[in-house]
Amino acid sequence: MKLLKEFREFISRGNVIDMAVGVIIGGAFTGIVNSLVNDLFMPLLGLLTGGMNFAALSVQIGPGEEDVLRYGAFIAAVINFLLIALVLFLLIKTINSLRRKKEEVPAPTAVKTCPYCKSEIHIDAARCPHCTSELQK
């Protein structure tokens, strides 16, 4: 019973649920990033390299069919990784800059400055509490 109660508390914590949602969204986002890299960037890279298929590059090191170093597949995997990392970096950088811009919007001020004593007073004040001057509306 105690173990079940502890498990229930563990599962109902917010950070576990947040992590689960993050993993699920990350899995879905992986498909988008892979499509962007494989369907848009890799064909452009193929045009830049003269249509070279990196995955086909290999060296026969022995008499058997399995005795092959497929270094081209490794190069393609490294290029794929770098492109995915670049896309993720640019997306996160864009999201963070949009978030910063949203945070930089100043909140409306609830105070104003008294024209006589230059003290901060409430925006709706009719009289300054510091110098007791009557304020014009």
C-alpha atoms as a PDB file:
ATOM      1  CA  MET A   1       0.000   0.000   0.000  1.00  0.00           C
ATOM      2  CA  LYS A   2       2.787   2.420   0.921  1.00  0.00           C
ATOM      3  CA  LEU A   3       4.564   1.717  -2.364  1.00  0.00           C
ATOM      4  CA  LEU A   4       1.372   2.393  -4.334  1.00  0.00           C
ATOM      5  CA  LYS A   5       0.857   5.684  -2.474  1.00  0.00           C
ATOM      6  CA  GLU A   6       4.451   6.771  -3.154  1.00  0.00           C
ATOM      7  CA  PHE A   7       4.073   5.830  -6.819  1.00  0.00           C
ATOM      8  CA  ARG A   8       0.841   7.839  -7.092  1.00  0.00           C
ATOM      9  CA  GLU A   9       2.566  10.878  -5.542  1.00  0.00           C
ATOM     10  CA  PHE A  10       5.524  10.470  -7.903  1.00  0.00           C
ATOM     11  CA  ILE A  11       3.302  10.277 -10.985  1.00  0.00           C
ATOM     12  CA  SER A  12       1.080  13.180  -9.957  1.00  0.00           C
ATOM     13  CA  ARG A  13       4.020  15.557  -9.506  1.00  0.00           C
ATOM     14  CA  GLY A  14       4.010  18.299 -12.100  1.00  0.00           C
ATOM     15  CA  ASN A  15       7.581  17.789 -13.271  1.00  0.00           C
ATOM     16  CA  VAL A  16       6.964  14.128 -14.211  1.00  0.00           C
ATOM     17  CA  ILE A  17       3.932  15.070 -16.275  1.00  0.00           C
ATOM     18  CA  ASP A  18       5.815  17.981 -17.849  1.00  0.00           C
ATOM     19  CA  MET A  19       8.659  15.626 -18.752  1.00  0.00           C
ATOM     20  CA  ALA A  20       6.242  13.133 -20.311  1.00  0.00           C
ATOM     21  CA  VAL A  21       4.611  15.864 -22.394  1.00  0.00           C
ATOM     22  CA  GLY A  22       8.065  17.080 -23.443  1.00  0.00           C
ATOM     23  CA  VAL A  23       9.082  13.591 -24.590  1.00  0.00           C
ATOM     24  CA  ILE A  24       5.871  13.170 -26.591  1.00  0.00           C
ATOM     25  CA  ILE A  25       6.166  16.585 -28.228  1.00  0.00           C
ATOM     26  CA  GLY A  26       9.868  15.961 -28.828  1.00  0.00           C
ATOM     27  CA  GLY A  27       9.023  12.749 -30.649  1.00  0.00           C
ATOM     28  CA  ALA A  28       6.522  14.534 -32.864  1.00  0.00           C
ATOM     29  CA  PHE A  29       8.944  17.409 -33.418  1.00  0.00           C
ATOM     30  CA  THR A  30      11.631  14.943 -34.498  1.00  0.00           C
ATOM     31  CA  GLY A  31       9.538  14.029 -37.532  1.00  0.00           C
ATOM     32  CA  ILE A  32       9.272  17.683 -38.538  1.00  0.00           C
ATOM     33  CA  VAL A  33      12.997  18.328 -38.156  1.00  0.00           C
ATOM     34  CA  ASN A  34      13.939  15.111 -39.983  1.00  0.00           C
ATOM     35  CA  SER A  35      11.626  16.013 -42.853  1.00  0.00           C
ATOM     36  CA  LEU A  36      13.096  19.505 -43.036  1.00  0.00           C
ATOM     37  CA  VAL A  37      16.628  18.113 -43.167  1.00  0.00           C
ATOM     38  CA  ASN A  38      15.992  15.107 -45.427  1.00  0.00           C
ATOM     39  CA  ASP A  39      13.442  16.657 -47.793  1.00  0.00           C
ATOM     40  CA  LEU A  40      14.780  20.210 -48.085  1.00  0.00           C
ATOM     41  CA  PHE A  41      18.378  20.562 -46.955  1.00  0.00           C
ATOM     42  CA  MET A  42      19.869  17.259 -48.133  1.00  0.00           C
ATOM     43  CA  PRO A  43      18.648  17.698 -51.754  1.00  0.00           C
ATOM     44  CA  LEU A  44      20.132  21.203 -51.748  1.00  0.00           C
ATOM     45  CA  LEU A  45      23.388  19.781 -50.394  1.00  0.00           C
ATOM     46  CA  GLY A  46      23.269  17.185 -53.167  1.00  0.00           C
ATOM     47  CA  LEU A  47      22.997  19.978 -55.734  1.00  0.00           C
ATOM     48  CA  LEU A  48      25.955  21.790 -54.171  1.00  0.00           C
ATOM     49  CA  THR A  49      28.106  18.641 -54.232  1.00  0.00           C
ATOM     50  CA  GLY A  50      27.180  17.704 -57.802  1.00  0.00           C
ATOM     51  CA  GLY A  51      24.647  15.047 -56.850  1.00  0.00           C
ATOM     52  CA  MET A  52      27.144  13.075 -54.803  1.00  0.00           C
ATOM     53  CA  ASN A  53      25.587  10.295 -52.739  1.00  0.00           C
ATOM     54  CA  PHE A  54      27.716  10.111 -49.623  1.00  0.00           C
ATOM     55  CA  ALA A  55      26.029   6.907 -48.442  1.00  0.00           C
ATOM     56  CA  ALA A  56      27.412   5.011 -51.455  1.00  0.00           C
ATOM     57  CA  LEU A  57      31.066   5.748 -50.611  1.00  0.00           C
ATOM     58  CA  SER A  58      32.831   2.643 -49.344  1.00  0.00           C
ATOM     59  CA  VAL A  59      36.105   0.700 -49.412  1.00  0.00           C
ATOM     60  CA  GLN A  60      36.371  -3.066 -49.812  1.00  0.00           C
ATOM     61  CA  ILE A  61      38.767  -4.361 -47.125  1.00  0.00           C
ATOM     62  CA  GLY A  62      38.371  -8.091 -47.573  1.00  0.00           C
ATOM     63  CA  PRO A  63      37.117 -10.795 -49.914  1.00  0.00           C
ATOM     64  CA  GLY A  64      33.594 -11.083 -48.467  1.00  0.00           C
ATOM     65  CA  GLU A  65      30.563  -8.920 -49.102  1.00  0.00           C
ATOM     66  CA  GLU A  66      30.514  -7.861 -45.458  1.00  0.00           C
ATOM     67  CA  ASP A  67      34.158  -6.747 -45.514  1.00  0.00           C
ATOM     68  CA  VAL A  68      33.350  -3.169 -46.494  1.00  0.00           C
ATOM     69  CA  LEU A  69      34.035   0.104 -44.712  1.00  0.00           C
ATOM     70  CA  ARG A  70      31.026   2.274 -45.447  1.00  0.00           C
ATOM     71  CA  TYR A  71      32.623   5.576 -44.549  1.00  0.00           C
ATOM     72  CA  GLY A  72      30.157   7.419 -46.782  1.00  0.00           C
ATOM     73  CA  ALA A  73      27.257   6.386 -44.549  1.00  0.00           C
ATOM     74  CA  PHE A  74      29.190   7.787 -41.593  1.00  0.00           C
ATOM     75  CA  ILE A  75      29.804  11.068 -43.456  1.00  0.00           C
ATOM     76  CA  ALA A  76      26.087  11.253 -44.348  1.00  0.00           C
ATOM     77  CA  ALA A  77      25.136  10.612 -40.702  1.00  0.00           C
ATOM     78  CA  VAL A  78      27.506  13.372 -39.518  1.00  0.00           C
ATOM     79  CA  ILE A  79      26.100  15.820 -42.096  1.00  0.00           C
ATOM     80  CA  ASN A  80      22.558  14.830 -41.098  1.00  0.00           C
ATOM     81  CA  PHE A  81      23.403  15.386 -37.414  1.00  0.00           C
ATOM     82  CA  LEU A  82      24.972  18.790 -38.095  1.00  0.00           C
ATOM     83  CA  LEU A  83      21.989  19.904 -40.164  1.00  0.00           C
ATOM     84  CA  ILE A  84      19.520  18.740 -37.499  1.00  0.00           C
ATOM     85  CA  ALA A  85      21.559  20.517 -34.807  1.00  0.00           C
ATOM     86  CA  LEU A  86      21.622  23.695 -36.936  1.00  0.00           C
ATOM     87  CA  VAL A  87      17.858  23.583 -37.513  1.00  0.00           C
ATOM     88  CA  LEU A  88      17.172  23.029 -33.804  1.00  0.00           C
ATOM     89  CA  PHE A  89      19.573  25.830 -32.864  1.00  0.00           C
ATOM     90  CA  LEU A  90      17.867  28.268 -35.244  1.00  0.00           C
ATOM     91  CA  LEU A  91      14.379  27.274 -34.083  1.00  0.00           C
ATOM     92  CA  ILE A  92      15.255  27.605 -30.399  1.00  0.00           C
ATOM     93  CA  LYS A  93      17.046  30.905 -31.045  1.00  0.00           C
ATOM     94  CA  THR A  94      13.949  32.227 -32.842  1.00  0.00           C
ATOM     95  CA  ILE A  95      11.606  31.055 -30.093  1.00  0.00           C
ATOM     96  CA  ASN A  96      13.821  32.596 -27.394  1.00  0.00           C
ATOM     97  CA  SER A  97      14.045  35.917 -29.225  1.00  0.00           C
ATOM     98  CA  LEU A  98      10.255  36.012 -29.614  1.00  0.00           C
ATOM     99  CA  ARG A  99       9.876  35.193 -25.915  1.00  0.00           C
ATOM    100  CA  ARG A 100      12.335  37.977 -24.978  1.00  0.00           C
ATOM    101  CA  LYS A 101      10.469  40.491 -27.139  1.00  0.00           C
ATOM    102  CA  LYS A 102       7.231  39.524 -25.413  1.00  0.00           C
ATOM    103  CA  GLU A 103       8.851  39.986 -21.980  1.00  0.00           C
ATOM    104  CA  GLU A 104      10.342  43.371 -22.969  1.00  0.00           C
ATOM    105  CA  VAL A 105       6.926  44.962 -23.501  1.00  0.00           C
ATOM    106  CA  PRO A 106       6.684  47.425 -20.618  1.00  0.00           C
ATOM    107  CA  ALA A 107       3.732  47.121 -18.302  1.00  0.00           C
ATOM    108  CA  PRO A 108       1.437  50.127 -18.221  1.00  0.00           C
ATOM    109  CA  THR A 109       2.563  52.501 -15.506  1.00  0.00           C
ATOM    110  CA  ALA A 110       0.307  52.944 -12.505  1.00  0.00           C
ATOM    111  CA  VAL A 111       2.244  55.977 -11.334  1.00  0.00           C
ATOM    112  CA  LYS A 112       2.966  59.457 -12.590  1.00  0.00           C
ATOM    113  CA  THR A 113       5.344  62.201 -11.506  1.00  0.00           C
ATOM    114  CA  CYS A 114       4.130  65.206  -9.548  1.00  0.00           C
ATOM    115  CA  PRO A 115       4.889  68.308 -11.668  1.00  0.00           C
ATOM    116  CA  TYR A 116       5.765  70.303  -8.524  1.00  0.00           C
ATOM    117  CA  CYS A 117       7.903  68.069  -6.292  1.00  0.00           C
ATOM    118  CA  LYS A 118       8.792  65.372  -8.870  1.00  0.00           C
ATOM    119  CA  SER A 119       7.716  62.527  -6.545  1.00  0.00           C
ATOM    120  CA  GLU A 120       6.034  59.419  -7.880  1.00  0.00           C
ATOM    121  CA  ILE A 121       2.315  59.350  -7.151  1.00  0.00           C
ATOM    122  CA  HIS A 122      -0.606  57.159  -8.147  1.00  0.00           C
ATOM    123  CA  ILE A 123      -1.893  57.809 -11.656  1.00  0.00           C
ATOM    124  CA  ASP A 124      -5.402  58.681 -10.404  1.00  0.00           C
ATOM    125  CA  ALA A 125      -4.241  61.034  -7.609  1.00  0.00           C
ATOM    126  CA  ALA A 126      -5.912  64.464  -7.525  1.00  0.00           C
ATOM    127  CA  ARG A 127      -3.491  65.779  -4.888  1.00  0.00           C
ATOM    128  CA  CYS A 128       0.175  64.972  -4.300  1.00  0.00           C
ATOM    129  CA  PRO A 129       0.606  63.196  -0.937  1.00  0.00           C
ATOM    130  CA  HIS A 130       4.151  64.559  -0.634  1.00  0.00           C
ATOM    131  CA  CYS A 131       3.796  68.281  -1.349  1.00  0.00           C
ATOM    132  CA  THR A 132      -0.034  68.453  -1.129  1.00  0.00           C
ATOM    133  CA  SER A 133      -0.249  70.312  -4.435  1.00  0.00           C
ATOM    134  CA  GLU A 134      -3.531  70.031  -6.270  1.00  0.00           C
ATOM    135  CA  LEU A 135      -3.003  68.261  -9.577  1.00  0.00           C
ATOM    136  CA  GLN A 136      -4.726  69.091 -12.828  1.00  0.00           C
ATOM    137  CA  LYS A 137      -6.633  66.313 -14.528  1.00  0.00           C
END
